[in-house]
PDB file of N, CA and C in Angstrom:
ATOM      1  N   MET A   1      -5.541 -15.893  23.832  1.00  0.00           N
ATOM      2  CA  MET A   1      -6.768 -15.268  24.262  1.00  0.00           C
ATOM      3  C   MET A   1      -7.930 -15.992  23.588  1.00  0.00           C
ATOM      4  N   PHE A   2      -8.944 -16.299  24.357  1.00  0.00           N
ATOM      5  CA  PHE A   2     -10.128 -16.962  23.836  1.00  0.00           C
ATOM      6  C   PHE A   2     -11.356 -16.109  24.104  1.00  0.00           C
ATOM      7  N   LEU A   3     -12.269 -16.093  23.170  1.00  0.00           N
ATOM      8  CA  LEU A   3     -13.543 -15.426  23.367  1.00  0.00           C
ATOM      9  C   LEU A   3     -14.572 -16.481  23.731  1.00  0.00           C
ATOM     10  N   CYS A   4     -15.334 -16.189  24.747  1.00  0.00           N
ATOM     11  CA  CYS A   4     -16.356 -17.129  25.188  1.00  0.00           C
ATOM     12  C   CYS A   4     -17.721 -16.489  25.038  1.00  0.00           C
ATOM     13  N   GLY A   5     -18.723 -17.304  24.795  1.00  0.00           N
ATOM     14  CA  GLY A   5     -20.089 -16.821  24.716  1.00  0.00           C
ATOM     15  C   GLY A   5     -20.583 -16.366  26.077  1.00  0.00           C
ATOM     16  N   LEU A   6     -21.603 -15.526  26.071  1.00  0.00           N
ATOM     17  CA  LEU A   6     -22.190 -15.018  27.307  1.00  0.00           C
ATOM     18  C   LEU A   6     -22.801 -16.172  28.096  1.00  0.00           C
ATOM     19  N   GLN A   7     -22.406 -16.303  29.342  1.00  0.00           N
ATOM     20  CA  GLN A   7     -22.868 -17.406  30.186  1.00  0.00           C
ATOM     21  C   GLN A   7     -24.069 -17.017  31.035  1.00  0.00           C
ATOM     22  N   VAL A   8     -24.419 -15.738  31.055  1.00  0.00           N
ATOM     23  CA  VAL A   8     -25.520 -15.253  31.876  1.00  0.00           C
ATOM     24  C   VAL A   8     -26.707 -14.940  30.981  1.00  0.00           C
ATOM     25  N   LYS A   9     -27.875 -15.389  31.388  1.00  0.00           N
ATOM     26  CA  LYS A   9     -29.090 -15.095  30.629  1.00  0.00           C
ATOM     27  C   LYS A   9     -29.496 -13.643  30.886  1.00  0.00           C
ATOM     28  N   VAL A  10     -29.767 -12.892  29.828  1.00  0.00           N
ATOM     29  CA  VAL A  10     -30.127 -11.483  29.945  1.00  0.00           C
ATOM     30  C   VAL A  10     -31.557 -11.288  29.467  1.00  0.00           C
ATOM     31  N   ASP A  11     -32.354 -10.606  30.286  1.00  0.00           N
ATOM     32  CA  ASP A  11     -33.721 -10.261  29.916  1.00  0.00           C
ATOM     33  C   ASP A  11     -33.693  -8.909  29.212  1.00  0.00           C
ATOM     34  N   TRP A  12     -33.494  -8.917  27.897  1.00  0.00           N
ATOM     35  CA  TRP A  12     -33.350  -7.689  27.137  1.00  0.00           C
ATOM     36  C   TRP A  12     -34.605  -6.830  27.153  1.00  0.00           C
ATOM     37  N   GLN A  13     -35.757  -7.430  27.366  1.00  0.00           N
ATOM     38  CA  GLN A  13     -37.004  -6.666  27.441  1.00  0.00           C
ATOM     39  C   GLN A  13     -37.030  -5.769  28.682  1.00  0.00           C
ATOM     40  N   ALA A  14     -36.308  -6.153  29.718  1.00  0.00           N
ATOM     41  CA  ALA A  14     -36.310  -5.397  30.974  1.00  0.00           C
ATOM     42  C   ALA A  14     -35.234  -4.305  30.998  1.00  0.00           C
ATOM     43  N   ILE A  15     -34.353  -4.274  30.014  1.00  0.00           N
ATOM     44  CA  ILE A  15     -33.260  -3.299  30.004  1.00  0.00           C
ATOM     45  C   ILE A  15     -33.643  -2.096  29.150  1.00  0.00           C
ATOM     46  N   ASN A  16     -33.436  -0.900  29.720  1.00  0.00           N
ATOM     47  CA  ASN A  16     -33.732   0.336  29.011  1.00  0.00           C
ATOM     48  C   ASN A  16     -32.578   0.659  28.060  1.00  0.00           C
ATOM     49  N   VAL A  17     -32.832   0.584  26.781  1.00  0.00           N
ATOM     50  CA  VAL A  17     -31.812   0.893  25.784  1.00  0.00           C
ATOM     51  C   VAL A  17     -32.185   2.131  24.966  1.00  0.00           C
ATOM     52  N   GLN A  18     -33.042   2.973  25.532  1.00  0.00           N
ATOM     53  CA  GLN A  18     -33.471   4.186  24.828  1.00  0.00           C
ATOM     54  C   GLN A  18     -32.298   5.115  24.507  1.00  0.00           C
ATOM     55  N   TRP A  19     -31.253   5.083  25.340  1.00  0.00           N
ATOM     56  CA  TRP A  19     -30.109   5.952  25.113  1.00  0.00           C
ATOM     57  C   TRP A  19     -29.364   5.580  23.835  1.00  0.00           C
ATOM     58  N   LEU A  20     -29.690   4.412  23.258  1.00  0.00           N
ATOM     59  CA  LEU A  20     -29.062   4.004  22.004  1.00  0.00           C
ATOM     60  C   LEU A  20     -29.744   4.610  20.774  1.00  0.00           C
ATOM     61  N   ASP A  21     -30.914   5.237  20.970  1.00  0.00           N
ATOM     62  CA  ASP A  21     -31.566   5.961  19.884  1.00  0.00           C
ATOM     63  C   ASP A  21     -30.592   7.057  19.424  1.00  0.00           C
ATOM     64  N   GLN A  22     -30.406   7.209  18.118  1.00  0.00           N
ATOM     65  CA  GLN A  22     -29.359   8.104  17.623  1.00  0.00           C
ATOM     66  C   GLN A  22     -29.475   9.522  18.163  1.00  0.00           C
ATOM     67  N   ARG A  23     -30.680  10.079  18.215  1.00  0.00           N
ATOM     68  CA  ARG A  23     -30.824  11.459  18.710  1.00  0.00           C
ATOM     69  C   ARG A  23     -30.391  11.559  20.165  1.00  0.00           C
ATOM     70  N   GLN A  24     -30.815  10.586  20.984  1.00  0.00           N
ATOM     71  CA  GLN A  24     -30.437  10.612  22.398  1.00  0.00           C
ATOM     72  C   GLN A  24     -28.951  10.342  22.568  1.00  0.00           C
ATOM     73  N   TYR A  25     -28.441   9.376  21.811  1.00  0.00           N
ATOM     74  CA  TYR A  25     -27.010   9.054  21.904  1.00  0.00           C
ATOM     75  C   TYR A  25     -26.163  10.257  21.504  1.00  0.00           C
ATOM     76  N   ASP A  26     -26.545  10.927  20.399  1.00  0.00           N
ATOM     77  CA  ASP A  26     -25.781  12.084  19.933  1.00  0.00           C
ATOM     78  C   ASP A  26     -25.773  13.205  20.970  1.00  0.00           C
ATOM     79  N   LEU A  27     -26.882  13.408  21.656  1.00  0.00           N
ATOM     80  CA  LEU A  27     -26.960  14.427  22.699  1.00  0.00           C
ATOM     81  C   LEU A  27     -26.044  14.072  23.869  1.00  0.00           C
ATOM     82  N   ILE A  28     -26.088  12.824  24.314  1.00  0.00           N
ATOM     83  CA  ILE A  28     -25.213  12.367  25.395  1.00  0.00           C
ATOM     84  C   ILE A  28     -23.751  12.512  24.973  1.00  0.00           C
ATOM     85  N   PHE A  29     -23.452  12.079  23.753  1.00  0.00           N
ATOM     86  CA  PHE A  29     -22.092  12.136  23.223  1.00  0.00           C
ATOM     87  C   PHE A  29     -21.594  13.582  23.165  1.00  0.00           C
ATOM     88  N   ALA A  30     -22.425  14.485  22.669  1.00  0.00           N
ATOM     89  CA  ALA A  30     -22.048  15.898  22.564  1.00  0.00           C
ATOM     90  C   ALA A  30     -21.798  16.496  23.947  1.00  0.00           C
ATOM     91  N   ASN A  31     -22.615  16.137  24.926  1.00  0.00           N
ATOM     92  CA  ASN A  31     -22.431  16.642  26.290  1.00  0.00           C
ATOM     93  C   ASN A  31     -21.116  16.129  26.884  1.00  0.00           C
ATOM     94  N   GLN A  32     -20.812  14.849  26.670  1.00  0.00           N
ATOM     95  CA  GLN A  32     -19.559  14.289  27.177  1.00  0.00           C
ATOM     96  C   GLN A  32     -18.364  14.965  26.515  1.00  0.00           C
ATOM     97  N   LEU A  33     -18.455  15.164  25.217  1.00  0.00           N
ATOM     98  CA  LEU A  33     -17.376  15.806  24.471  1.00  0.00           C
ATOM     99  C   LEU A  33     -17.186  17.251  24.929  1.00  0.00           C
ATOM    100  N   GLY A  34     -18.289  17.963  25.116  1.00  0.00           N
ATOM    101  CA  GLY A  34     -18.220  19.362  25.553  1.00  0.00           C
ATOM    102  C   GLY A  34     -17.675  19.513  26.964  1.00  0.00           C
ATOM    103  N   ALA A  35     -17.923  18.521  27.813  1.00  0.00           N
ATOM    104  CA  ALA A  35     -17.471  18.590  29.206  1.00  0.00           C
ATOM    105  C   ALA A  35     -16.021  18.128  29.374  1.00  0.00           C
ATOM    106  N   ALA A  36     -15.472  17.479  28.360  1.00  0.00           N
ATOM    107  CA  ALA A  36     -14.104  16.961  28.452  1.00  0.00           C
ATOM    108  C   ALA A  36     -13.103  18.117  28.507  1.00  0.00           C
ATOM    109  N   LEU A  37     -12.069  17.940  29.316  1.00  0.00           N
ATOM    110  CA  LEU A  37     -11.019  18.941  29.467  1.00  0.00           C
ATOM    111  C   LEU A  37     -10.108  18.929  28.244  1.00  0.00           C
ATOM    112  N   GLU A  38      -9.923  20.089  27.612  1.00  0.00           N
ATOM    113  CA  GLU A  38      -9.052  20.206  26.434  1.00  0.00           C
ATOM    114  C   GLU A  38      -7.588  20.127  26.879  1.00  0.00           C
ATOM    115  N   VAL A  39      -6.823  19.219  26.266  1.00  0.00           N
ATOM    116  CA  VAL A  39      -5.406  19.061  26.607  1.00  0.00           C
ATOM    117  C   VAL A  39      -4.571  18.904  25.337  1.00  0.00           C
ATOM    118  N   GLU A  40      -3.294  19.101  25.486  1.00  0.00           N
ATOM    119  CA  GLU A  40      -2.338  18.818  24.421  1.00  0.00           C
ATOM    120  C   GLU A  40      -1.926  17.350  24.556  1.00  0.00           C
ATOM    121  N   PRO A  41      -1.587  16.676  23.465  1.00  0.00           N
ATOM    122  CA  PRO A  41      -1.242  15.252  23.528  1.00  0.00           C
ATOM    123  C   PRO A  41      -0.147  14.918  24.533  1.00  0.00           C
ATOM    124  N   HIS A  42       0.849  15.783  24.661  1.00  0.00           N
ATOM    125  CA  HIS A  42       1.954  15.497  25.573  1.00  0.00           C
ATOM    126  C   HIS A  42       1.570  15.695  27.047  1.00  0.00           C
ATOM    127  N   LYS A  43       0.368  16.213  27.311  1.00  0.00           N
ATOM    128  CA  LYS A  43      -0.074  16.437  28.691  1.00  0.00           C
ATOM    129  C   LYS A  43      -0.990  15.325  29.207  1.00  0.00           C
ATOM    130  N   ILE A  44      -1.167  14.265  28.417  1.00  0.00           N
ATOM    131  CA  ILE A  44      -1.983  13.139  28.879  1.00  0.00           C
ATOM    132  C   ILE A  44      -1.225  12.444  30.006  1.00  0.00           C
ATOM    133  N   PRO A  45      -1.848  12.280  31.173  1.00  0.00           N
ATOM    134  CA  PRO A  45      -1.150  11.608  32.279  1.00  0.00           C
ATOM    135  C   PRO A  45      -0.773  10.178  31.902  1.00  0.00           C
ATOM    136  N   VAL A  46       0.459   9.789  32.215  1.00  0.00           N
ATOM    137  CA  VAL A  46       0.917   8.439  31.911  1.00  0.00           C
ATOM    138  C   VAL A  46       0.293   7.441  32.882  1.00  0.00           C
ATOM    139  N   GLN A  47       0.346   7.740  34.161  1.00  0.00           N
ATOM    140  CA  GLN A  47      -0.249   6.885  35.186  1.00  0.00           C
ATOM    141  C   GLN A  47      -1.218   7.725  36.000  1.00  0.00           C
ATOM    142  N   SER A  48      -2.496   7.397  35.932  1.00  0.00           N
ATOM    143  CA  SER A  48      -3.485   8.139  36.693  1.00  0.00           C
ATOM    144  C   SER A  48      -4.618   7.211  37.072  1.00  0.00           C
ATOM    145  N   LYS A  49      -5.071   7.345  38.304  1.00  0.00           N
ATOM    146  CA  LYS A  49      -6.186   6.506  38.750  1.00  0.00           C
ATOM    147  C   LYS A  49      -7.479   6.965  38.107  1.00  0.00           C
ATOM    148  N   ASP A  50      -7.682   8.275  38.015  1.00  0.00           N
ATOM    149  CA  ASP A  50      -8.885   8.787  37.362  1.00  0.00           C
ATOM    150  C   ASP A  50      -8.650  10.218  36.915  1.00  0.00           C
ATOM    151  N   CYS A  51      -8.493  10.399  35.632  1.00  0.00           N
ATOM    152  CA  CYS A  51      -8.300  11.760  35.122  1.00  0.00           C
ATOM    153  C   CYS A  51      -9.540  12.237  34.378  1.00  0.00           C
ATOM    154  N   GLY A  52     -10.608  11.437  34.395  1.00  0.00           N
ATOM    155  CA  GLY A  52     -11.847  11.845  33.751  1.00  0.00           C
ATOM    156  C   GLY A  52     -11.746  11.826  32.237  1.00  0.00           C
ATOM    157  N   ASP A  53     -12.532  12.696  31.604  1.00  0.00           N
ATOM    158  CA  ASP A  53     -12.564  12.782  30.148  1.00  0.00           C
ATOM    159  C   ASP A  53     -11.660  13.915  29.675  1.00  0.00           C
ATOM    160  N   LEU A  54     -10.869  13.627  28.651  1.00  0.00           N
ATOM    161  CA  LEU A  54      -9.974  14.609  28.059  1.00  0.00           C
ATOM    162  C   LEU A  54     -10.280  14.727  26.571  1.00  0.00           C
ATOM    163  N   ARG A  55     -10.004  15.907  25.992  1.00  0.00           N
ATOM    164  CA  ARG A  55     -10.246  16.118  24.564  1.00  0.00           C
ATOM    165  C   ARG A  55      -8.996  16.711  23.923  1.00  0.00           C
ATOM    166  N   ILE A  56      -8.600  16.124  22.807  1.00  0.00           N
ATOM    167  CA  ILE A  56      -7.518  16.656  21.978  1.00  0.00           C
ATOM    168  C   ILE A  56      -8.172  17.033  20.655  1.00  0.00           C
ATOM    169  N   SER A  57      -8.001  18.288  20.231  1.00  0.00           N
ATOM    170  CA  SER A  57      -8.653  18.750  19.009  1.00  0.00           C
ATOM    171  C   SER A  57      -7.692  18.721  17.824  1.00  0.00           C
ATOM    172  N   TYR A  58      -8.268  18.445  16.660  1.00  0.00           N
ATOM    173  CA  TYR A  58      -7.504  18.541  15.413  1.00  0.00           C
ATOM    174  C   TYR A  58      -8.315  19.359  14.427  1.00  0.00           C
ATOM    175  N   SER A  59      -7.612  20.094  13.548  1.00  0.00           N
ATOM    176  CA  SER A  59      -8.309  21.021  12.658  1.00  0.00           C
ATOM    177  C   SER A  59      -8.287  20.626  11.190  1.00  0.00           C
ATOM    178  N   SER A  60      -7.663  19.485  10.887  1.00  0.00           N
ATOM    179  CA  SER A  60      -7.631  19.038   9.487  1.00  0.00           C
ATOM    180  C   SER A  60      -7.353  17.538   9.458  1.00  0.00           C
ATOM    181  N   PRO A  61      -7.696  16.883   8.349  1.00  0.00           N
ATOM    182  CA  PRO A  61      -7.360  15.464   8.225  1.00  0.00           C
ATOM    183  C   PRO A  61      -5.857  15.207   8.373  1.00  0.00           C
ATOM    184  N   LYS A  62      -5.043  16.102   7.840  1.00  0.00           N
ATOM    185  CA  LYS A  62      -3.589  15.940   7.947  1.00  0.00           C
ATOM    186  C   LYS A  62      -3.143  16.014   9.410  1.00  0.00           C
ATOM    187  N   GLU A  63      -3.718  16.939  10.173  1.00  0.00           N
ATOM    188  CA  GLU A  63      -3.379  17.042  11.596  1.00  0.00           C
ATOM    189  C   GLU A  63      -3.875  15.811  12.353  1.00  0.00           C
ATOM    190  N   PHE A  64      -5.061  15.287  11.971  1.00  0.00           N
ATOM    191  CA  PHE A  64      -5.540  14.053  12.600  1.00  0.00           C
ATOM    192  C   PHE A  64      -4.523  12.932  12.407  1.00  0.00           C
ATOM    193  N   GLU A  65      -4.045  12.752  11.178  1.00  0.00           N
ATOM    194  CA  GLU A  65      -3.089  11.682  10.890  1.00  0.00           C
ATOM    195  C   GLU A  65      -1.829  11.829  11.739  1.00  0.00           C
ATOM    196  N   ARG A  66      -1.344  13.051  11.890  1.00  0.00           N
ATOM    197  CA  ARG A  66      -0.147  13.301  12.689  1.00  0.00           C
ATOM    198  C   ARG A  66      -0.395  12.942  14.161  1.00  0.00           C
ATOM    199  N   LEU A  67      -1.527  13.423  14.705  1.00  0.00           N
ATOM    200  CA  LEU A  67      -1.848  13.152  16.110  1.00  0.00           C
ATOM    201  C   LEU A  67      -2.111  11.666  16.347  1.00  0.00           C
ATOM    202  N   ALA A  68      -2.861  11.034  15.434  1.00  0.00           N
ATOM    203  CA  ALA A  68      -3.173   9.613  15.592  1.00  0.00           C
ATOM    204  C   ALA A  68      -1.889   8.786  15.608  1.00  0.00           C
ATOM    205  N   LYS A  69      -0.979   9.101  14.722  1.00  0.00           N
ATOM    206  CA  LYS A  69       0.297   8.376  14.688  1.00  0.00           C
ATOM    207  C   LYS A  69       1.067   8.596  15.990  1.00  0.00           C
ATOM    208  N   GLN A  70       1.100   9.837  16.458  1.00  0.00           N
ATOM    209  CA  GLN A  70       1.790  10.181  17.705  1.00  0.00           C
ATOM    210  C   GLN A  70       1.185   9.428  18.898  1.00  0.00           C
ATOM    211  N   LEU A  71      -0.144   9.227  18.869  1.00  0.00           N
ATOM    212  CA  LEU A  71      -0.835   8.568  19.982  1.00  0.00           C
ATOM    213  C   LEU A  71      -0.936   7.055  19.806  1.00  0.00           C
ATOM    214  N   GLY A  72      -0.438   6.543  18.686  1.00  0.00           N
ATOM    215  CA  GLY A  72      -0.474   5.105  18.444  1.00  0.00           C
ATOM    216  C   GLY A  72      -1.836   4.601  18.017  1.00  0.00           C
ATOM    217  N   LEU A  73      -2.611   5.449  17.333  1.00  0.00           N
ATOM    218  CA  LEU A  73      -3.954   5.091  16.871  1.00  0.00           C
ATOM    219  C   LEU A  73      -3.947   4.821  15.373  1.00  0.00           C
ATOM    220  N   MET A  74      -5.000   4.176  14.897  1.00  0.00           N
ATOM    221  CA  MET A  74      -5.163   3.920  13.470  1.00  0.00           C
ATOM    222  C   MET A  74      -5.324   5.253  12.740  1.00  0.00           C
ATOM    223  N   THR A  75      -4.611   5.444  11.659  1.00  0.00           N
ATOM    224  CA  THR A  75      -4.608   6.731  10.959  1.00  0.00           C
ATOM    225  C   THR A  75      -5.491   6.752   9.716  1.00  0.00           C
ATOM    226  N   ASP A  76      -6.210   5.670   9.422  1.00  0.00           N
ATOM    227  CA  ASP A  76      -7.010   5.579   8.203  1.00  0.00           C
ATOM    228  C   ASP A  76      -8.127   6.628   8.172  1.00  0.00           C
ATOM    229  N   LEU A  77      -8.301   7.234   6.996  1.00  0.00           N
ATOM    230  CA  LEU A  77      -9.363   8.213   6.769  1.00  0.00           C
ATOM    231  C   LEU A  77     -10.202   7.785   5.572  1.00  0.00           C
ATOM    232  N   LYS A  78     -11.478   8.135   5.609  1.00  0.00           N
ATOM    233  CA  LYS A  78     -12.358   7.944   4.454  1.00  0.00           C
ATOM    234  C   LYS A  78     -13.162   9.233   4.319  1.00  0.00           C
ATOM    235  N   ALA A  79     -13.096   9.878   3.173  1.00  0.00           N
ATOM    236  CA  ALA A  79     -13.737  11.175   2.941  1.00  0.00           C
ATOM    237  C   ALA A  79     -13.275  12.196   3.969  1.00  0.00           C
ATOM    238  N   GLY A  80     -12.006  12.080   4.420  1.00  0.00           N
ATOM    239  CA  GLY A  80     -11.455  13.027   5.369  1.00  0.00           C
ATOM    240  C   GLY A  80     -11.856  12.798   6.814  1.00  0.00           C
ATOM    241  N   VAL A  81     -12.534  11.677   7.090  1.00  0.00           N
ATOM    242  CA  VAL A  81     -13.025  11.377   8.435  1.00  0.00           C
ATOM    243  C   VAL A  81     -12.399  10.065   8.907  1.00  0.00           C
ATOM    244  N   PRO A  82     -11.959  10.001  10.174  1.00  0.00           N
ATOM    245  CA  PRO A  82     -11.346   8.768  10.683  1.00  0.00           C
ATOM    246  C   PRO A  82     -12.291   7.571  10.600  1.00  0.00           C
ATOM    247  N   ARG A  83     -11.792   6.452  10.106  1.00  0.00           N
ATOM    248  CA  ARG A  83     -12.604   5.242   9.994  1.00  0.00           C
ATOM    249  C   ARG A  83     -13.040   4.716  11.355  1.00  0.00           C
ATOM    250  N   THR A  84     -12.234   4.928  12.372  1.00  0.00           N
ATOM    251  CA  THR A  84     -12.559   4.387  13.693  1.00  0.00           C
ATOM    252  C   THR A  84     -13.326   5.380  14.555  1.00  0.00           C
ATOM    253  N   GLY A  85     -13.785   6.476  13.963  1.00  0.00           N
ATOM    254  CA  GLY A  85     -14.454   7.510  14.739  1.00  0.00           C
ATOM    255  C   GLY A  85     -15.953   7.552  14.544  1.00  0.00           C
ATOM    256  N   TYR A  86     -16.606   8.321  15.384  1.00  0.00           N
ATOM    257  CA  TYR A  86     -18.023   8.617  15.258  1.00  0.00           C
ATOM    258  C   TYR A  86     -18.141  10.126  15.178  1.00  0.00           C
ATOM    259  N   LEU A  87     -18.727  10.634  14.099  1.00  0.00           N
ATOM    260  CA  LEU A  87     -18.812  12.073  13.834  1.00  0.00           C
ATOM    261  C   LEU A  87     -17.427  12.718  13.852  1.00  0.00           C
ATOM    262  N   GLY A  88     -16.443  11.966  13.379  1.00  0.00           N
ATOM    263  CA  GLY A  88     -15.082  12.474  13.309  1.00  0.00           C
ATOM    264  C   GLY A  88     -14.305  12.358  14.603  1.00  0.00           C
ATOM    265  N   VAL A  89     -14.946  11.875  15.667  1.00  0.00           N
ATOM    266  CA  VAL A  89     -14.311  11.767  16.982  1.00  0.00           C
ATOM    267  C   VAL A  89     -13.845  10.332  17.212  1.00  0.00           C
ATOM    268  N   VAL A  90     -12.569  10.164  17.505  1.00  0.00           N
ATOM    269  CA  VAL A  90     -12.021   8.861  17.861  1.00  0.00           C
ATOM    270  C   VAL A  90     -11.896   8.842  19.379  1.00  0.00           C
ATOM    271  N   THR A  91     -12.564   7.882  20.007  1.00  0.00           N
ATOM    272  CA  THR A  91     -12.528   7.757  21.460  1.00  0.00           C
ATOM    273  C   THR A  91     -11.611   6.594  21.820  1.00  0.00           C
ATOM    274  N   PHE A  92     -10.702   6.845  22.759  1.00  0.00           N
ATOM    275  CA  PHE A  92      -9.799   5.784  23.195  1.00  0.00           C
ATOM    276  C   PHE A  92      -9.467   5.986  24.667  1.00  0.00           C
ATOM    277  N   ARG A  93      -8.810   5.010  25.254  1.00  0.00           N
ATOM    278  CA  ARG A  93      -8.441   5.068  26.671  1.00  0.00           C
ATOM    279  C   ARG A  93      -6.938   4.966  26.835  1.00  0.00           C
ATOM    280  N   ARG A  94      -6.437   5.692  27.804  1.00  0.00           N
ATOM    281  CA  ARG A  94      -5.069   5.586  28.286  1.00  0.00           C
ATOM    282  C   ARG A  94      -5.190   5.450  29.796  1.00  0.00           C
ATOM    283  N   GLY A  95      -4.962   4.258  30.296  1.00  0.00           N
ATOM    284  CA  GLY A  95      -5.163   4.021  31.724  1.00  0.00           C
ATOM    285  C   GLY A  95      -6.615   4.270  32.073  1.00  0.00           C
ATOM    286  N   ALA A  96      -6.847   5.105  33.068  1.00  0.00           N
ATOM    287  CA  ALA A  96      -8.213   5.415  33.491  1.00  0.00           C
ATOM    288  C   ALA A  96      -8.803   6.609  32.747  1.00  0.00           C
ATOM    289  N   CYS A  97      -8.052   7.182  31.824  1.00  0.00           N
ATOM    290  CA  CYS A  97      -8.513   8.367  31.092  1.00  0.00           C
ATOM    291  C   CYS A  97      -9.273   7.967  29.828  1.00  0.00           C
ATOM    292  N   ARG A  98     -10.437   8.581  29.627  1.00  0.00           N
ATOM    293  CA  ARG A  98     -11.127   8.444  28.342  1.00  0.00           C
ATOM    294  C   ARG A  98     -10.771   9.701  27.560  1.00  0.00           C
ATOM    295  N   ILE A  99     -10.271   9.493  26.340  1.00  0.00           N
ATOM    296  CA  ILE A  99      -9.771  10.607  25.545  1.00  0.00           C
ATOM    297  C   ILE A  99     -10.518  10.667  24.221  1.00  0.00           C
ATOM    298  N   PHE A 100     -10.966  11.873  23.884  1.00  0.00           N
ATOM    299  CA  PHE A 100     -11.638  12.122  22.616  1.00  0.00           C
ATOM    300  C   PHE A 100     -10.671  12.869  21.711  1.00  0.00           C
ATOM    301  N   LEU A 101     -10.341  12.300  20.568  1.00  0.00           N
ATOM    302  CA  LEU A 101      -9.575  12.995  19.545  1.00  0.00           C
ATOM    303  C   LEU A 101     -10.624  13.544  18.589  1.00  0.00           C
ATOM    304  N   ALA A 102     -10.890  14.859  18.680  1.00  0.00           N
ATOM    305  CA  ALA A 102     -12.076  15.436  18.050  1.00  0.00           C
ATOM    306  C   ALA A 102     -11.745  16.542  17.057  1.00  0.00           C
ATOM    307  N   PRO A 103     -12.527  16.611  15.974  1.00  0.00           N
ATOM    308  CA  PRO A 103     -12.299  17.673  14.990  1.00  0.00           C
ATOM    309  C   PRO A 103     -12.855  19.005  15.471  1.00  0.00           C
ATOM    310  N   THR A 104     -12.280  20.074  14.951  1.00  0.00           N
ATOM    311  CA  THR A 104     -12.823  21.404  15.231  1.00  0.00           C
ATOM    312  C   THR A 104     -13.805  21.816  14.127  1.00  0.00           C
ATOM    313  N   TYR A 105     -14.029  20.919  13.158  1.00  0.00           N
ATOM    314  CA  TYR A 105     -14.948  21.190  12.060  1.00  0.00           C
ATOM    315  C   TYR A 105     -16.122  20.216  12.120  1.00  0.00           C
ATOM    316  N   ALA A 106     -17.184  20.534  11.399  1.00  0.00           N
ATOM    317  CA  ALA A 106     -18.407  19.731  11.431  1.00  0.00           C
ATOM    318  C   ALA A 106     -18.300  18.493  10.542  1.00  0.00           C
ATOM    319  N   VAL A 107     -18.942  17.411  11.014  1.00  0.00           N
ATOM    320  CA  VAL A 107     -19.026  16.166  10.254  1.00  0.00           C
ATOM    321  C   VAL A 107     -20.503  15.803  10.132  1.00  0.00           C
ATOM    322  N   ASP A 108     -20.952  15.498   8.913  1.00  0.00           N
ATOM    323  CA  ASP A 108     -22.353  15.137   8.674  1.00  0.00           C
ATOM    324  C   ASP A 108     -22.671  13.810   9.346  1.00  0.00           C
ATOM    325  N   SER A 109     -23.732  13.771  10.157  1.00  0.00           N
ATOM    326  CA  SER A 109     -24.061  12.563  10.917  1.00  0.00           C
ATOM    327  C   SER A 109     -24.571  11.427  10.030  1.00  0.00           C
ATOM    328  N   GLU A 110     -25.126  11.726   8.869  1.00  0.00           N
ATOM    329  CA  GLU A 110     -25.636  10.667   8.000  1.00  0.00           C
ATOM    330  C   GLU A 110     -24.567  10.095   7.080  1.00  0.00           C
ATOM    331  N   THR A 111     -23.771  10.972   6.476  1.00  0.00           N
ATOM    332  CA  THR A 111     -22.771  10.503   5.511  1.00  0.00           C
ATOM    333  C   THR A 111     -21.394  10.298   6.138  1.00  0.00           C
ATOM    334  N   GLN A 112     -21.218  10.765   7.383  1.00  0.00           N
ATOM    335  CA  GLN A 112     -19.917  10.676   8.068  1.00  0.00           C
ATOM    336  C   GLN A 112     -18.814  11.313   7.236  1.00  0.00           C
ATOM    337  N   SER A 113     -19.130  12.443   6.590  1.00  0.00           N
ATOM    338  CA  SER A 113     -18.125  13.159   5.816  1.00  0.00           C
ATOM    339  C   SER A 113     -18.066  14.612   6.285  1.00  0.00           C
ATOM    340  N   ILE A 114     -16.968  15.270   5.971  1.00  0.00           N
ATOM    341  CA  ILE A 114     -16.769  16.654   6.400  1.00  0.00           C
ATOM    342  C   ILE A 114     -17.823  17.562   5.766  1.00  0.00           C
ATOM    343  N   VAL A 115     -18.391  18.450   6.581  1.00  0.00           N
ATOM    344  CA  VAL A 115     -19.346  19.439   6.081  1.00  0.00           C
ATOM    345  C   VAL A 115     -18.559  20.671   5.691  1.00  0.00           C
ATOM    346  N   ILE A 116     -18.656  21.038   4.435  1.00  0.00           N
ATOM    347  CA  ILE A 116     -17.956  22.220   3.942  1.00  0.00           C
ATOM    348  C   ILE A 116     -18.955  23.366   3.939  1.00  0.00           C
ATOM    349  N   GLU A 117     -18.610  24.420   4.677  1.00  0.00           N
ATOM    350  CA  GLU A 117     -19.494  25.584   4.768  1.00  0.00           C
ATOM    351  C   GLU A 117     -18.924  26.695   3.901  1.00  0.00           C
ATOM    352  N   TYR A 118     -19.733  27.184   3.008  1.00  0.00           N
ATOM    353  CA  TYR A 118     -19.319  28.268   2.128  1.00  0.00           C
ATOM    354  C   TYR A 118     -19.869  29.579   2.685  1.00  0.00           C
ATOM    355  N   SER A 119     -19.024  30.607   2.687  1.00  0.00           N
ATOM    356  CA  SER A 119     -19.505  31.893   3.201  1.00  0.00           C
ATOM    357  C   SER A 119     -19.744  32.876   2.095  1.00  0.00           C
TER     358      SER A 119
END
């Protein structure tokens, strides 16, 4: 496999990249995550032309490691948060399905660490 440089000239000034602003991106990301269908790992379609967005939830770092291993994903954690994730969510594809492996707990957007809430 070889990587090649971009052969097409791109006018970056003409492209709207406002959605990359963190506040806008986080809102889009949260909407996509919220709209994703909650499924169990064993219910992910093996062959599907379009199954849309799916979400698998985990409730602890230990459960994340178990699910990630089961799904063939990187299991590394830092401060209890997946290294390959954004806000604790690891996004990956299986065929035409986009799958979010997402925590049921809060992750701080600045430090990317678990938010511990005391009651």
